[in-house]
């Protein structure tokens, strides 16, 4: 068991890893969302990418709208009360964390990230409703065993769980490794569980190739991979897609309250069920 003083020491060491001079994906997304948990390096990186592809500005509001719809489907229609949010990101406007909390007092949520700034905000701001539970796991998407082991202290793995892989599979460059991540998580959760995924697309906007080339040059330790719709579908073999299946995020069960865009959004989205 880790004593409090040891835990504080670990947290201080992780906080020291935050480098404001180097762009970070979570903070760049935060800036593009109009929030303030970012540094000049993040803002500069965002402006470079916007110069290569103006569509980048619309990606954050589009994917936030998708994850809100997906979370509402999971909580309200599918009746799921347990969630693993892998790559939770920085707090901003209403996202899945608010929807989980409003779905019912007994929701149990595990937030997973390996970014010390994200985890610091998560511990400070994400609280469970009475009767529910919230946990935090410091793990990389490439380590599904650590994710599952960390989540077991909060979640009941005999009951359905929704696994939210929102953007994070784009960080796994090798397709075989990305498929193995999903397969491992699928094997860990019971029948009736769900997966919600969105992934930057290689086949919806040709300008995205230059954007990702720029990003990977600036931040090789957070290199991003684009995938086609078929490549994303291949990662989810063995899961049953919820209608309408794999689609651009703006076309997955759009809602009247969604933001409107003048052009397509180069991101694929899907919710699928473990049968």
C-alpha atoms as a PDB file:
ATOM      1  CA  UNK A   1       0.000   0.000   0.000  1.00  0.00           C
ATOM      2  CA  UNK A   2       1.324   3.488  -0.908  1.00  0.00           C
ATOM      3  CA  UNK A   3       1.432   5.952   1.993  1.00  0.00           C
ATOM      4  CA  UNK A   4       0.123   9.498   1.518  1.00  0.00           C
ATOM      5  CA  UNK A   5       3.617  11.000   1.577  1.00  0.00           C
ATOM      6  CA  UNK A   6       4.741   8.555  -1.106  1.00  0.00           C
ATOM      7  CA  UNK A   7       1.703   9.400  -3.248  1.00  0.00           C
ATOM      8  CA  UNK A   8       2.408  13.129  -2.888  1.00  0.00           C
ATOM      9  CA  UNK A   9       6.012  12.513  -3.932  1.00  0.00           C
ATOM     10  CA  UNK A  10       4.882  10.581  -7.007  1.00  0.00           C
ATOM     11  CA  UNK A  11       2.481  13.358  -7.975  1.00  0.00           C
ATOM     12  CA  UNK A  12       5.172  16.011  -7.588  1.00  0.00           C
ATOM     13  CA  UNK A  13       7.487  14.006  -9.824  1.00  0.00           C
ATOM     14  CA  UNK A  14       4.796  13.684 -12.474  1.00  0.00           C
ATOM     15  CA  UNK A  15       3.943  17.374 -12.286  1.00  0.00           C
ATOM     16  CA  UNK A  16       7.601  18.116 -13.002  1.00  0.00           C
ATOM     17  CA  UNK A  17       7.146  16.370 -16.369  1.00  0.00           C
ATOM     18  CA  UNK A  18       4.849  19.180 -17.574  1.00  0.00           C
ATOM     19  CA  UNK A  19       6.930  21.179 -20.061  1.00  0.00           C
ATOM     20  CA  UNK A  20       5.246  24.445 -21.151  1.00  0.00           C
ATOM     21  CA  UNK A  21       7.808  24.873 -23.938  1.00  0.00           C
ATOM     22  CA  UNK A  22       6.719  21.699 -25.770  1.00  0.00           C
ATOM     23  CA  UNK A  23       3.273  21.393 -27.405  1.00  0.00           C
ATOM     24  CA  UNK A  24       0.921  18.781 -25.987  1.00  0.00           C
ATOM     25  CA  UNK A  25      -2.099  17.255 -27.728  1.00  0.00           C
ATOM     26  CA  UNK A  26      -4.506  17.702 -24.801  1.00  0.00           C
ATOM     27  CA  UNK A  27      -3.519  21.348 -24.376  1.00  0.00           C
ATOM     28  CA  UNK A  28      -3.699  22.061 -28.128  1.00  0.00           C
ATOM     29  CA  UNK A  29      -7.235  20.642 -28.136  1.00  0.00           C
ATOM     30  CA  UNK A  30      -8.007  22.783 -25.093  1.00  0.00           C
ATOM     31  CA  UNK A  31      -6.867  25.907 -26.971  1.00  0.00           C
ATOM     32  CA  UNK A  32      -8.876  24.977 -30.074  1.00  0.00           C
ATOM     33  CA  UNK A  33     -11.895  24.596 -27.791  1.00  0.00           C
ATOM     34  CA  UNK A  34     -11.445  28.167 -26.559  1.00  0.00           C
ATOM     35  CA  UNK A  35     -10.253  27.235 -23.074  1.00  0.00           C
ATOM     36  CA  UNK A  36      -7.261  28.380 -21.031  1.00  0.00           C
ATOM     37  CA  UNK A  37      -5.402  25.274 -19.844  1.00  0.00           C
ATOM     38  CA  UNK A  38      -2.643  25.726 -22.433  1.00  0.00           C
ATOM     39  CA  UNK A  39       0.677  27.455 -23.070  1.00  0.00           C
ATOM     40  CA  UNK A  40       2.131  29.533 -25.907  1.00  0.00           C
ATOM     41  CA  UNK A  41       3.809  26.445 -27.398  1.00  0.00           C
ATOM     42  CA  UNK A  42       0.387  24.798 -27.685  1.00  0.00           C
ATOM     43  CA  UNK A  43      -1.149  27.898 -29.255  1.00  0.00           C
ATOM     44  CA  UNK A  44       1.713  28.174 -31.744  1.00  0.00           C
ATOM     45  CA  UNK A  45       1.334  24.504 -32.736  1.00  0.00           C
ATOM     46  CA  UNK A  46      -2.416  24.978 -33.203  1.00  0.00           C
ATOM     47  CA  UNK A  47      -1.856  27.994 -35.465  1.00  0.00           C
ATOM     48  CA  UNK A  48       0.628  26.052 -37.607  1.00  0.00           C
ATOM     49  CA  UNK A  49      -1.888  23.250 -38.105  1.00  0.00           C
ATOM     50  CA  UNK A  50      -4.710  25.688 -38.822  1.00  0.00           C
ATOM     51  CA  UNK A  51      -2.539  27.182 -41.559  1.00  0.00           C
ATOM     52  CA  UNK A  52      -2.213  23.758 -43.177  1.00  0.00           C
ATOM     53  CA  UNK A  53      -5.884  22.820 -42.811  1.00  0.00           C
ATOM     54  CA  UNK A  54      -8.521  25.303 -41.595  1.00  0.00           C
ATOM     55  CA  UNK A  55     -10.854  22.322 -40.960  1.00  0.00           C
ATOM     56  CA  UNK A  56      -8.805  21.677 -37.795  1.00  0.00           C
ATOM     57  CA  UNK A  57     -10.756  24.477 -36.075  1.00  0.00           C
ATOM     58  CA  UNK A  58     -13.996  22.528 -36.449  1.00  0.00           C
ATOM     59  CA  UNK A  59     -12.689  19.164 -35.277  1.00  0.00           C
ATOM     60  CA  UNK A  60     -12.841  19.877 -31.529  1.00  0.00           C
ATOM     61  CA  UNK A  61     -16.483  21.060 -31.402  1.00  0.00           C
ATOM     62  CA  UNK A  62     -17.484  18.256 -33.780  1.00  0.00           C
ATOM     63  CA  UNK A  63     -15.909  15.483 -31.728  1.00  0.00           C
ATOM     64  CA  UNK A  64     -17.218  16.969 -28.474  1.00  0.00           C
ATOM     65  CA  UNK A  65     -20.733  16.873 -29.940  1.00  0.00           C
ATOM     66  CA  UNK A  66     -20.187  13.262 -31.033  1.00  0.00           C
ATOM     67  CA  UNK A  67     -18.964  12.130 -27.634  1.00  0.00           C
ATOM     68  CA  UNK A  68     -21.907  13.850 -25.954  1.00  0.00           C
ATOM     69  CA  UNK A  69     -24.320  11.973 -28.226  1.00  0.00           C
ATOM     70  CA  UNK A  70     -22.464   8.711 -27.715  1.00  0.00           C
ATOM     71  CA  UNK A  71     -22.389   9.142 -23.939  1.00  0.00           C
ATOM     72  CA  UNK A  72     -26.098   9.957 -23.842  1.00  0.00           C
ATOM     73  CA  UNK A  73     -26.872   6.887 -25.937  1.00  0.00           C
ATOM     74  CA  UNK A  74     -24.812   4.686 -23.631  1.00  0.00           C
ATOM     75  CA  UNK A  75     -26.246   6.094 -20.417  1.00  0.00           C
ATOM     76  CA  UNK A  76     -29.861   6.768 -21.443  1.00  0.00           C
ATOM     77  CA  UNK A  77     -30.678   4.238 -24.179  1.00  0.00           C
ATOM     78  CA  UNK A  78     -28.282   1.379 -23.475  1.00  0.00           C
ATOM     79  CA  UNK A  79     -28.586   1.813 -19.691  1.00  0.00           C
ATOM     80  CA  UNK A  80     -24.854   1.500 -19.032  1.00  0.00           C
ATOM     81  CA  UNK A  81     -23.776   2.703 -15.600  1.00  0.00           C
ATOM     82  CA  UNK A  82     -20.051   1.903 -15.741  1.00  0.00           C
ATOM     83  CA  UNK A  83     -17.527   3.720 -17.926  1.00  0.00           C
ATOM     84  CA  UNK A  84     -13.820   3.657 -18.725  1.00  0.00           C
ATOM     85  CA  UNK A  85     -12.800   6.928 -20.373  1.00  0.00           C
ATOM     86  CA  UNK A  86      -9.368   6.364 -21.955  1.00  0.00           C
ATOM     87  CA  UNK A  87      -7.725   9.681 -22.752  1.00  0.00           C
ATOM     88  CA  UNK A  88     -10.117  11.902 -20.863  1.00  0.00           C
ATOM     89  CA  UNK A  89      -8.455  15.191 -21.821  1.00  0.00           C
ATOM     90  CA  UNK A  90      -8.663  18.551 -20.092  1.00  0.00           C
ATOM     91  CA  UNK A  91     -11.950  19.915 -18.705  1.00  0.00           C
ATOM     92  CA  UNK A  92     -13.858  22.287 -20.938  1.00  0.00           C
ATOM     93  CA  UNK A  93     -17.493  22.564 -21.979  1.00  0.00           C
ATOM     94  CA  UNK A  94     -19.983  19.829 -21.112  1.00  0.00           C
ATOM     95  CA  UNK A  95     -18.483  16.508 -22.130  1.00  0.00           C
ATOM     96  CA  UNK A  96     -19.049  12.881 -21.281  1.00  0.00           C
ATOM     97  CA  UNK A  97     -18.050  13.405 -17.622  1.00  0.00           C
ATOM     98  CA  UNK A  98     -21.086  15.657 -17.101  1.00  0.00           C
ATOM     99  CA  UNK A  99     -23.380  13.280 -18.947  1.00  0.00           C
ATOM    100  CA  UNK A 100     -22.236  10.305 -16.886  1.00  0.00           C
ATOM    101  CA  UNK A 101     -22.914  12.272 -13.717  1.00  0.00           C
ATOM    102  CA  UNK A 102     -26.391  13.341 -14.848  1.00  0.00           C
ATOM    103  CA  UNK A 103     -27.362   9.855 -16.056  1.00  0.00           C
ATOM    104  CA  UNK A 104     -27.919   8.580 -12.542  1.00  0.00           C
ATOM    105  CA  UNK A 105     -26.439   8.681  -9.057  1.00  0.00           C
ATOM    106  CA  UNK A 106     -24.977   5.195  -9.325  1.00  0.00           C
ATOM    107  CA  UNK A 107     -22.695   5.782 -12.316  1.00  0.00           C
ATOM    108  CA  UNK A 108     -19.148   4.546 -11.785  1.00  0.00           C
ATOM    109  CA  UNK A 109     -16.459   6.094 -13.964  1.00  0.00           C
ATOM    110  CA  UNK A 110     -12.736   5.464 -14.353  1.00  0.00           C
ATOM    111  CA  UNK A 111     -10.763   8.183 -16.126  1.00  0.00           C
ATOM    112  CA  UNK A 112      -7.520   7.034 -17.764  1.00  0.00           C
ATOM    113  CA  UNK A 113      -4.666   9.219 -18.978  1.00  0.00           C
ATOM    114  CA  UNK A 114      -0.889   9.411 -18.708  1.00  0.00           C
ATOM    115  CA  UNK A 115      -0.649  13.189 -19.020  1.00  0.00           C
ATOM    116  CA  UNK A 116       0.201  14.644 -15.571  1.00  0.00           C
ATOM    117  CA  UNK A 117      -1.646  17.911 -16.257  1.00  0.00           C
ATOM    118  CA  UNK A 118      -4.797  16.042 -17.294  1.00  0.00           C
ATOM    119  CA  UNK A 119      -4.654  13.792 -14.241  1.00  0.00           C
ATOM    120  CA  UNK A 120      -4.128  16.785 -11.949  1.00  0.00           C
ATOM    121  CA  UNK A 121      -7.264  18.457 -13.312  1.00  0.00           C
ATOM    122  CA  UNK A 122      -9.170  15.192 -13.157  1.00  0.00           C
ATOM    123  CA  UNK A 123      -8.460  14.685  -9.470  1.00  0.00           C
ATOM    124  CA  UNK A 124      -9.373  18.277  -8.681  1.00  0.00           C
ATOM    125  CA  UNK A 125     -12.584  18.583 -10.679  1.00  0.00           C
ATOM    126  CA  UNK A 126     -14.155  15.187 -11.345  1.00  0.00           C
ATOM    127  CA  UNK A 127     -16.322  14.079  -8.463  1.00  0.00           C
ATOM    128  CA  UNK A 128     -18.856  11.286  -8.245  1.00  0.00           C
ATOM    129  CA  UNK A 129     -22.516  11.786  -7.449  1.00  0.00           C
ATOM    130  CA  UNK A 130     -23.809  10.320  -4.162  1.00  0.00           C
ATOM    131  CA  UNK A 131     -23.943   6.542  -4.555  1.00  0.00           C
ATOM    132  CA  UNK A 132     -21.555   6.546  -7.523  1.00  0.00           C
ATOM    133  CA  UNK A 133     -17.780   6.343  -7.747  1.00  0.00           C
ATOM    134  CA  UNK A 134     -14.947   7.950  -9.683  1.00  0.00           C
ATOM    135  CA  UNK A 135     -11.435   6.607 -10.138  1.00  0.00           C
ATOM    136  CA  UNK A 136      -8.306   7.699 -11.984  1.00  0.00           C
ATOM    137  CA  UNK A 137      -5.734   5.454 -13.641  1.00  0.00           C
ATOM    138  CA  UNK A 138      -2.343   6.707 -14.802  1.00  0.00           C
ATOM    139  CA  UNK A 139      -1.814   4.491 -17.844  1.00  0.00           C
ATOM    140  CA  UNK A 140      -1.093   4.593 -21.554  1.00  0.00           C
ATOM    141  CA  UNK A 141      -3.606   3.321 -24.095  1.00  0.00           C
ATOM    142  CA  UNK A 142      -0.952   0.832 -25.207  1.00  0.00           C
ATOM    143  CA  UNK A 143      -1.154  -0.893 -21.814  1.00  0.00           C
ATOM    144  CA  UNK A 144      -4.693  -2.313 -21.607  1.00  0.00           C
ATOM    145  CA  UNK A 145      -3.699  -4.645 -18.761  1.00  0.00           C
ATOM    146  CA  UNK A 146      -2.802  -1.654 -16.566  1.00  0.00           C
ATOM    147  CA  UNK A 147      -6.065   0.048 -17.533  1.00  0.00           C
ATOM    148  CA  UNK A 148      -8.149  -2.979 -16.566  1.00  0.00           C
ATOM    149  CA  UNK A 149      -6.250  -3.682 -13.353  1.00  0.00           C
ATOM    150  CA  UNK A 150      -6.546  -0.053 -12.302  1.00  0.00           C
ATOM    151  CA  UNK A 151     -10.269   0.033 -13.094  1.00  0.00           C
ATOM    152  CA  UNK A 152     -11.082  -3.082 -11.077  1.00  0.00           C
ATOM    153  CA  UNK A 153     -11.023  -1.159  -7.805  1.00  0.00           C
ATOM    154  CA  UNK A 154     -13.972   0.945  -9.026  1.00  0.00           C
ATOM    155  CA  UNK A 155     -15.888  -1.120 -11.590  1.00  0.00           C
ATOM    156  CA  UNK A 156     -17.690  -4.470 -11.461  1.00  0.00           C
ATOM    157  CA  UNK A 157     -16.376  -6.411 -14.458  1.00  0.00           C
ATOM    158  CA  UNK A 158     -19.275  -8.855 -14.270  1.00  0.00           C
ATOM    159  CA  UNK A 159     -21.614  -6.051 -15.397  1.00  0.00           C
ATOM    160  CA  UNK A 160     -21.623  -4.109 -18.701  1.00  0.00           C
ATOM    161  CA  UNK A 161     -18.998  -1.411 -19.132  1.00  0.00           C
ATOM    162  CA  UNK A 162     -18.682   1.275 -21.803  1.00  0.00           C
ATOM    163  CA  UNK A 163     -15.097   1.785 -22.970  1.00  0.00           C
ATOM    164  CA  UNK A 164     -14.542   5.248 -24.465  1.00  0.00           C
ATOM    165  CA  UNK A 165     -11.554   5.334 -26.830  1.00  0.00           C
ATOM    166  CA  UNK A 166     -11.937   8.911 -27.958  1.00  0.00           C
ATOM    167  CA  UNK A 167      -9.029   9.861 -30.223  1.00  0.00           C
ATOM    168  CA  UNK A 168      -6.548   7.692 -28.307  1.00  0.00           C
ATOM    169  CA  UNK A 169      -6.142   4.888 -30.875  1.00  0.00           C
ATOM    170  CA  UNK A 170      -4.581   7.465 -33.229  1.00  0.00           C
ATOM    171  CA  UNK A 171      -1.549   7.441 -30.911  1.00  0.00           C
ATOM    172  CA  UNK A 172      -0.976   3.735 -31.593  1.00  0.00           C
ATOM    173  CA  UNK A 173       0.831   3.817 -34.920  1.00  0.00           C
ATOM    174  CA  UNK A 174       0.999   0.099 -35.618  1.00  0.00           C
ATOM    175  CA  UNK A 175      -2.379  -1.248 -36.772  1.00  0.00           C
ATOM    176  CA  UNK A 176      -1.759  -4.677 -35.263  1.00  0.00           C
ATOM    177  CA  UNK A 177      -0.956  -3.161 -31.867  1.00  0.00           C
ATOM    178  CA  UNK A 178      -4.028  -0.903 -32.018  1.00  0.00           C
ATOM    179  CA  UNK A 179      -6.254  -3.886 -32.837  1.00  0.00           C
ATOM    180  CA  UNK A 180      -4.658  -5.834 -29.979  1.00  0.00           C
ATOM    181  CA  UNK A 181      -5.489  -2.991 -27.560  1.00  0.00           C
ATOM    182  CA  UNK A 182      -9.162  -3.161 -28.525  1.00  0.00           C
ATOM    183  CA  UNK A 183      -9.145  -6.970 -28.469  1.00  0.00           C
ATOM    184  CA  UNK A 184      -7.621  -7.039 -24.979  1.00  0.00           C
ATOM    185  CA  UNK A 185     -10.153  -4.556 -23.611  1.00  0.00           C
ATOM    186  CA  UNK A 186     -12.983  -6.424 -25.364  1.00  0.00           C
ATOM    187  CA  UNK A 187     -11.890  -9.664 -23.695  1.00  0.00           C
ATOM    188  CA  UNK A 188     -11.860  -7.974 -20.272  1.00  0.00           C
ATOM    189  CA  UNK A 189     -15.437  -6.663 -20.335  1.00  0.00           C
ATOM    190  CA  UNK A 190     -18.621  -8.799 -20.345  1.00  0.00           C
ATOM    191  CA  UNK A 191     -21.242  -9.278 -23.028  1.00  0.00           C
ATOM    192  CA  UNK A 192     -23.495  -6.234 -23.289  1.00  0.00           C
ATOM    193  CA  UNK A 193     -20.575  -3.825 -22.938  1.00  0.00           C
ATOM    194  CA  UNK A 194     -19.938  -1.079 -25.493  1.00  0.00           C
ATOM    195  CA  UNK A 195     -17.056   0.707 -27.181  1.00  0.00           C
ATOM    196  CA  UNK A 196     -17.229   4.321 -28.381  1.00  0.00           C
ATOM    197  CA  UNK A 197     -14.443   5.399 -30.725  1.00  0.00           C
ATOM    198  CA  UNK A 198     -13.548   8.379 -32.850  1.00  0.00           C
ATOM    199  CA  UNK A 199     -10.443   8.510 -35.012  1.00  0.00           C
ATOM    200  CA  UNK A 200      -8.828  11.104 -37.277  1.00  0.00           C
ATOM    201  CA  UNK A 201      -9.481  10.117 -40.898  1.00  0.00           C
ATOM    202  CA  UNK A 202      -7.074   9.664 -43.786  1.00  0.00           C
ATOM    203  CA  UNK A 203      -9.839   9.458 -46.389  1.00  0.00           C
ATOM    204  CA  UNK A 204     -12.117  12.439 -45.686  1.00  0.00           C
ATOM    205  CA  UNK A 205      -9.824  15.452 -46.203  1.00  0.00           C
ATOM    206  CA  UNK A 206      -6.538  15.330 -48.145  1.00  0.00           C
ATOM    207  CA  UNK A 207      -5.154  18.322 -46.207  1.00  0.00           C
ATOM    208  CA  UNK A 208      -5.003  16.213 -43.043  1.00  0.00           C
ATOM    209  CA  UNK A 209      -1.841  14.473 -44.240  1.00  0.00           C
ATOM    210  CA  UNK A 210       0.087  17.752 -44.104  1.00  0.00           C
ATOM    211  CA  UNK A 211      -1.424  18.636 -40.717  1.00  0.00           C
ATOM    212  CA  UNK A 212      -0.302  15.359 -39.184  1.00  0.00           C
ATOM    213  CA  UNK A 213       3.124  15.633 -40.812  1.00  0.00           C
ATOM    214  CA  UNK A 214       3.507  19.035 -39.146  1.00  0.00           C
ATOM    215  CA  UNK A 215       2.297  17.718 -35.788  1.00  0.00           C
ATOM    216  CA  UNK A 216       4.544  14.646 -35.811  1.00  0.00           C
ATOM    217  CA  UNK A 217       7.521  16.869 -36.637  1.00  0.00           C
ATOM    218  CA  UNK A 218       6.734  19.164 -33.685  1.00  0.00           C
ATOM    219  CA  UNK A 219       5.833  16.403 -31.243  1.00  0.00           C
ATOM    220  CA  UNK A 220       7.355  13.017 -32.204  1.00  0.00           C
ATOM    221  CA  UNK A 221       6.669  11.550 -28.745  1.00  0.00           C
ATOM    222  CA  UNK A 222       2.931  12.071 -29.359  1.00  0.00           C
ATOM    223  CA  UNK A 223       2.938  11.021 -33.006  1.00  0.00           C
ATOM    224  CA  UNK A 224      -0.514  10.641 -34.554  1.00  0.00           C
ATOM    225  CA  UNK A 225      -1.653   8.186 -37.235  1.00  0.00           C
ATOM    226  CA  UNK A 226      -4.518   8.798 -39.642  1.00  0.00           C
ATOM    227  CA  UNK A 227      -6.728   5.834 -40.621  1.00  0.00           C
ATOM    228  CA  UNK A 228      -9.346   5.232 -43.285  1.00  0.00           C
ATOM    229  CA  UNK A 229     -12.851   4.140 -42.416  1.00  0.00           C
ATOM    230  CA  UNK A 230     -11.997   0.548 -43.306  1.00  0.00           C
ATOM    231  CA  UNK A 231      -8.863   0.654 -41.174  1.00  0.00           C
ATOM    232  CA  UNK A 232     -10.859   1.916 -38.195  1.00  0.00           C
ATOM    233  CA  UNK A 233     -13.473  -0.800 -38.756  1.00  0.00           C
ATOM    234  CA  UNK A 234     -10.686  -3.401 -38.823  1.00  0.00           C
ATOM    235  CA  UNK A 235      -9.646  -2.376 -35.298  1.00  0.00           C
ATOM    236  CA  UNK A 236     -13.128  -3.257 -34.008  1.00  0.00           C
ATOM    237  CA  UNK A 237     -13.536  -6.754 -35.423  1.00  0.00           C
ATOM    238  CA  UNK A 238     -15.739  -8.841 -33.120  1.00  0.00           C
ATOM    239  CA  UNK A 239     -17.915  -5.918 -32.030  1.00  0.00           C
ATOM    240  CA  UNK A 240     -21.434  -5.252 -33.317  1.00  0.00           C
ATOM    241  CA  UNK A 241     -21.851  -1.670 -34.608  1.00  0.00           C
ATOM    242  CA  UNK A 242     -24.791   0.332 -33.289  1.00  0.00           C
ATOM    243  CA  UNK A 243     -26.723   1.913 -36.202  1.00  0.00           C
ATOM    244  CA  UNK A 244     -25.729   3.857 -38.235  1.00  0.00           C
ATOM    245  CA  UNK A 245     -22.385   2.088 -37.807  1.00  0.00           C
ATOM    246  CA  UNK A 246     -19.101   3.734 -38.727  1.00  0.00           C
ATOM    247  CA  UNK A 247     -19.673   7.257 -40.054  1.00  0.00           C
ATOM    248  CA  UNK A 248     -18.149  10.735 -40.068  1.00  0.00           C
ATOM    249  CA  UNK A 249     -18.693  12.037 -36.543  1.00  0.00           C
ATOM    250  CA  UNK A 250     -21.219  14.641 -37.673  1.00  0.00           C
ATOM    251  CA  UNK A 251     -23.346  11.898 -39.245  1.00  0.00           C
ATOM    252  CA  UNK A 252     -23.503   9.557 -36.242  1.00  0.00           C
ATOM    253  CA  UNK A 253     -26.986  10.213 -34.821  1.00  0.00           C
ATOM    254  CA  UNK A 254     -26.844  14.009 -35.310  1.00  0.00           C
ATOM    255  CA  UNK A 255     -28.884  16.142 -32.918  1.00  0.00           C
ATOM    256  CA  UNK A 256     -30.656  19.467 -33.569  1.00  0.00           C
ATOM    257  CA  UNK A 257     -28.449  21.126 -30.959  1.00  0.00           C
ATOM    258  CA  UNK A 258     -25.193  20.128 -32.702  1.00  0.00           C
ATOM    259  CA  UNK A 259     -22.964  22.879 -34.078  1.00  0.00           C
ATOM    260  CA  UNK A 260     -23.226  23.460 -37.817  1.00  0.00           C
ATOM    261  CA  UNK A 261     -20.229  23.246 -40.140  1.00  0.00           C
ATOM    262  CA  UNK A 262     -19.656  24.485 -43.672  1.00  0.00           C
ATOM    263  CA  UNK A 263     -17.634  21.427 -44.663  1.00  0.00           C
ATOM    264  CA  UNK A 264     -17.095  17.811 -43.701  1.00  0.00           C
ATOM    265  CA  UNK A 265     -15.190  16.894 -40.538  1.00  0.00           C
ATOM    266  CA  UNK A 266     -12.288  14.453 -41.139  1.00  0.00           C
ATOM    267  CA  UNK A 267     -13.024  12.179 -38.194  1.00  0.00           C
ATOM    268  CA  UNK A 268     -14.670   8.740 -38.144  1.00  0.00           C
ATOM    269  CA  UNK A 269     -16.977   7.807 -35.254  1.00  0.00           C
ATOM    270  CA  UNK A 270     -18.595   4.577 -34.117  1.00  0.00           C
ATOM    271  CA  UNK A 271     -20.314   2.962 -31.139  1.00  0.00           C
ATOM    272  CA  UNK A 272     -20.250  -0.830 -31.063  1.00  0.00           C
ATOM    273  CA  UNK A 273     -21.513  -3.543 -28.715  1.00  0.00           C
ATOM    274  CA  UNK A 274     -19.746  -6.588 -27.356  1.00  0.00           C
ATOM    275  CA  UNK A 275     -22.127  -9.473 -28.031  1.00  0.00           C
END
